[in-house]
């Protein structure tokens, strides 16, 4: 990454899109301090994240990776991830994450056992549980790192609509390759080869950014683009 500068604000959705090797998945790893930047700074509420304890920083962030990490235990335990929350909060998080329907079809509902790594669940089911886990935590910042990729388009749309209300006061960052997932974001950041080539809304970037137009035209029909 080089010359990266942008602000993600509370109450807004910031989307990051780019092709393979563009650097888009490096950004959340830097925010979570999986490793540190060698120059510049990343600020949360005006505070350099390097001055925060990692545990405190990560408590502020609900991070959902593309590959959901599940452990052997119940669905409820996997959503809670060691946190103390009531059944209503767990159920609400699952509802927003569009997980209620498949959970209700299991033999024991939220008490249903999950195999190590979620081997008895589909990719989309695992992703929805990982999203519910982030939601039940109610963090200040949500980072969804290509975690909608295994969802069908209808589930993706329903989930994003439900998320919009639930995360209205939070800072939301969505990293995605699918244009339909991010086209309604307040700002879209286009990355190519580790650099920002454009920042704007879907409409603004369609009018001004060649990289974004190429991504969009490869995925959407002319009617969908219009």
Foldseek 3Di string as FASTA:
>chain_A
DPPDDDDFAFQFEEEEAEDPQLCLVVVVCCQLPVDHDPDDADDDVRHGCVVDDSVVSVLQELEQAQQFAAAWFFLQCRLQVPPDDDPVLLVVLLVLLVQQVVLVVDPPRRRDTAHHSRPVDDSSNRLSSSSSSSLSSPHQEYEYHQSCVPPDPVSLVSNVVSVSVSRSRHGYYYYHLACSNPQQGQKYFYTGNHDTQDIGHNVVCCVPPPNSVVSDPVHDDPVVSD
